[in-house]
C-alpha atoms as a PDB file:
ATOM      1  CA  UNK A   1     -21.392 -13.276 -10.520  1.00  0.00           C
ATOM      2  CA  UNK A   2     -20.311 -11.320  -7.488  1.00  0.00           C
ATOM      3  CA  UNK A   3     -22.796  -8.778  -5.953  1.00  0.00           C
ATOM      4  CA  UNK A   4     -21.811  -5.968  -3.608  1.00  0.00           C
ATOM      5  CA  UNK A   5     -24.413  -4.467  -1.124  1.00  0.00           C
ATOM      6  CA  UNK A   6     -24.040  -1.335   0.994  1.00  0.00           C
ATOM      7  CA  UNK A   7     -24.009  -1.959   4.722  1.00  0.00           C
ATOM      8  CA  UNK A   8     -27.659  -1.346   5.120  1.00  0.00           C
ATOM      9  CA  UNK A   9     -28.592  -3.601   2.095  1.00  0.00           C
ATOM     10  CA  UNK A  10     -30.196  -0.601   0.339  1.00  0.00           C
ATOM     11  CA  UNK A  11     -28.028  -0.574  -2.589  1.00  0.00           C
ATOM     12  CA  UNK A  12     -26.801  -3.514  -4.853  1.00  0.00           C
ATOM     13  CA  UNK A  13     -24.472  -3.776  -7.744  1.00  0.00           C
ATOM     14  CA  UNK A  14     -22.915  -6.649  -9.730  1.00  0.00           C
ATOM     15  CA  UNK A  15     -19.103  -6.200  -9.822  1.00  0.00           C
ATOM     16  CA  UNK A  16     -17.432  -6.356 -13.100  1.00  0.00           C
ATOM     17  CA  UNK A  17     -13.621  -6.279 -13.972  1.00  0.00           C
ATOM     18  CA  UNK A  18     -12.866  -8.600 -11.028  1.00  0.00           C
ATOM     19  CA  UNK A  19      -9.419  -9.922 -11.428  1.00  0.00           C
ATOM     20  CA  UNK A  20      -9.443 -12.515  -8.729  1.00  0.00           C
ATOM     21  CA  UNK A  21     -11.250 -13.660  -5.660  1.00  0.00           C
ATOM     22  CA  UNK A  22     -10.221 -16.219  -3.110  1.00  0.00           C
ATOM     23  CA  UNK A  23     -12.059 -17.187   0.117  1.00  0.00           C
ATOM     24  CA  UNK A  24     -11.299 -19.823   2.759  1.00  0.00           C
ATOM     25  CA  UNK A  25     -14.308 -21.241   4.598  1.00  0.00           C
ATOM     26  CA  UNK A  26     -13.638 -22.818   8.118  1.00  0.00           C
ATOM     27  CA  UNK A  27     -15.873 -25.389   9.697  1.00  0.00           C
ATOM     28  CA  UNK A  28     -15.462 -23.960  13.262  1.00  0.00           C
ATOM     29  CA  UNK A  29     -14.082 -20.684  12.739  1.00  0.00           C
ATOM     30  CA  UNK A  30     -14.375 -17.391  10.566  1.00  0.00           C
ATOM     31  CA  UNK A  31     -13.862 -17.695   6.919  1.00  0.00           C
ATOM     32  CA  UNK A  32     -11.936 -14.957   5.043  1.00  0.00           C
ATOM     33  CA  UNK A  33     -11.733 -13.531   1.493  1.00  0.00           C
ATOM     34  CA  UNK A  34      -9.712 -11.364  -0.818  1.00  0.00           C
ATOM     35  CA  UNK A  35     -11.062  -9.784  -3.851  1.00  0.00           C
ATOM     36  CA  UNK A  36      -8.924  -7.954  -6.451  1.00  0.00           C
ATOM     37  CA  UNK A  37     -10.807  -5.709  -8.970  1.00  0.00           C
ATOM     38  CA  UNK A  38     -10.059  -2.826 -11.382  1.00  0.00           C
ATOM     39  CA  UNK A  39      -9.908   0.570  -9.786  1.00  0.00           C
ATOM     40  CA  UNK A  40     -12.834   2.192 -11.540  1.00  0.00           C
ATOM     41  CA  UNK A  41     -15.709   4.457 -10.292  1.00  0.00           C
ATOM     42  CA  UNK A  42     -18.323   1.685  -9.974  1.00  0.00           C
ATOM     43  CA  UNK A  43     -16.066  -0.655  -8.111  1.00  0.00           C
ATOM     44  CA  UNK A  44     -14.673   1.942  -5.713  1.00  0.00           C
ATOM     45  CA  UNK A  45     -18.226   2.958  -4.839  1.00  0.00           C
ATOM     46  CA  UNK A  46     -19.053  -0.532  -3.521  1.00  0.00           C
ATOM     47  CA  UNK A  47     -15.744  -2.001  -2.484  1.00  0.00           C
ATOM     48  CA  UNK A  48     -15.774   0.008   0.954  1.00  0.00           C
ATOM     49  CA  UNK A  49     -15.309  -1.096   4.493  1.00  0.00           C
ATOM     50  CA  UNK A  50     -18.274  -2.549   6.117  1.00  0.00           C
ATOM     51  CA  UNK A  51     -20.032  -3.227   2.787  1.00  0.00           C
ATOM     52  CA  UNK A  52     -21.203  -6.818   2.058  1.00  0.00           C
ATOM     53  CA  UNK A  53     -20.215  -9.225  -0.830  1.00  0.00           C
ATOM     54  CA  UNK A  54     -22.167 -12.278  -2.161  1.00  0.00           C
ATOM     55  CA  UNK A  55     -20.646 -14.829  -4.443  1.00  0.00           C
ATOM     56  CA  UNK A  56     -21.716 -18.274  -5.212  1.00  0.00           C
ATOM     57  CA  UNK A  57     -23.394 -18.856  -1.751  1.00  0.00           C
ATOM     58  CA  UNK A  58     -20.626 -17.124   0.203  1.00  0.00           C
ATOM     59  CA  UNK A  59     -21.398 -13.980   2.151  1.00  0.00           C
ATOM     60  CA  UNK A  60     -18.653 -11.660   3.532  1.00  0.00           C
ATOM     61  CA  UNK A  61     -18.142  -8.335   5.055  1.00  0.00           C
ATOM     62  CA  UNK A  62     -15.308  -6.116   3.945  1.00  0.00           C
ATOM     63  CA  UNK A  63     -12.806  -5.175   6.670  1.00  0.00           C
ATOM     64  CA  UNK A  64     -10.056  -3.536   4.743  1.00  0.00           C
ATOM     65  CA  UNK A  65      -9.665  -1.811   1.260  1.00  0.00           C
ATOM     66  CA  UNK A  66      -6.415  -0.851  -0.398  1.00  0.00           C
ATOM     67  CA  UNK A  67      -5.833   0.857  -3.906  1.00  0.00           C
ATOM     68  CA  UNK A  68      -2.553   0.490  -5.799  1.00  0.00           C
ATOM     69  CA  UNK A  69      -1.473   0.428  -9.554  1.00  0.00           C
ATOM     70  CA  UNK A  70      -5.080   0.500 -10.890  1.00  0.00           C
ATOM     71  CA  UNK A  71      -6.401  -2.322  -8.469  1.00  0.00           C
ATOM     72  CA  UNK A  72      -8.717  -2.216  -5.587  1.00  0.00           C
ATOM     73  CA  UNK A  73      -8.044  -5.150  -3.083  1.00  0.00           C
ATOM     74  CA  UNK A  74     -10.777  -5.827  -0.464  1.00  0.00           C
ATOM     75  CA  UNK A  75     -10.121  -8.210   2.502  1.00  0.00           C
ATOM     76  CA  UNK A  76     -12.744  -9.367   4.802  1.00  0.00           C
ATOM     77  CA  UNK A  77     -14.414 -12.148   6.709  1.00  0.00           C
ATOM     78  CA  UNK A  78     -17.581 -14.201   6.393  1.00  0.00           C
ATOM     79  CA  UNK A  79     -20.716 -12.765   7.807  1.00  0.00           C
ATOM     80  CA  UNK A  80     -20.587 -15.146  10.663  1.00  0.00           C
ATOM     81  CA  UNK A  81     -17.904 -12.791  12.012  1.00  0.00           C
ATOM     82  CA  UNK A  82     -20.671 -10.405  13.000  1.00  0.00           C
ATOM     83  CA  UNK A  83     -21.670 -12.696  15.647  1.00  0.00           C
ATOM     84  CA  UNK A  84     -18.289 -12.194  17.405  1.00  0.00           C
ATOM     85  CA  UNK A  85     -19.111  -8.576  17.704  1.00  0.00           C
ATOM     86  CA  UNK A  86     -21.959  -9.176  20.179  1.00  0.00           C
ATOM     87  CA  UNK A  87     -21.083  -7.758  23.675  1.00  0.00           C
ATOM     88  CA  UNK A  88     -22.428  -8.853  26.899  1.00  0.00           C
ATOM     89  CA  UNK A  89     -22.437  -5.807  29.087  1.00  0.00           C
ATOM     90  CA  UNK A  90     -23.424  -7.212  32.479  1.00  0.00           C
ATOM     91  CA  UNK A  91     -21.437  -9.619  34.699  1.00  0.00           C
ATOM     92  CA  UNK A  92     -23.759 -12.588  35.516  1.00  0.00           C
ATOM     93  CA  UNK A  93     -23.248 -15.058  38.483  1.00  0.00           C
ATOM     94  CA  UNK A  94     -24.595 -18.431  37.567  1.00  0.00           C
ATOM     95  CA  UNK A  95     -25.434 -20.821  40.396  1.00  0.00           C
ATOM     96  CA  UNK A  96     -27.388 -23.526  38.611  1.00  0.00           C
ATOM     97  CA  UNK A  97     -26.023 -24.359  35.178  1.00  0.00           C
ATOM     98  CA  UNK A  98     -29.004 -25.138  33.272  1.00  0.00           C
ATOM     99  CA  UNK A  99     -31.111 -22.291  34.675  1.00  0.00           C
ATOM    100  CA  UNK A 100     -28.301 -19.819  34.223  1.00  0.00           C
ATOM    101  CA  UNK A 101     -27.495 -20.922  30.617  1.00  0.00           C
ATOM    102  CA  UNK A 102     -31.222 -20.735  29.608  1.00  0.00           C
ATOM    103  CA  UNK A 103     -31.603 -17.325  31.299  1.00  0.00           C
ATOM    104  CA  UNK A 104     -28.600 -15.863  29.460  1.00  0.00           C
ATOM    105  CA  UNK A 105     -29.856 -17.256  26.169  1.00  0.00           C
ATOM    106  CA  UNK A 106     -33.394 -15.785  26.754  1.00  0.00           C
ATOM    107  CA  UNK A 107     -31.816 -12.452  27.737  1.00  0.00           C
ATOM    108  CA  UNK A 108     -29.669 -12.095  24.674  1.00  0.00           C
ATOM    109  CA  UNK A 109     -31.949 -13.243  21.931  1.00  0.00           C
ATOM    110  CA  UNK A 110     -32.287 -10.816  19.142  1.00  0.00           C
END
């Protein structure tokens, strides 16, 4: 079963009329997926950019959606992609490697 969640996880829906789903998991990179489903009211409500999909232990975030000939195609990446969106705002000068790395880690924990 494939579940779709709103971005803030406040809404959840099981997707029906899914025609295909393919995903690629990468050991040291960002996995990707493509989902093709029927273009109906229920699917179009949840297959939107930034919504989250869960399928068989795989979680992904939708990055693009296109509609053509009665089908919705959603493309996206694994949720680990969100880690790449973290931004370091300040320049940091590290003079001692161990102390500097621990300081950066502690300053950026969430």
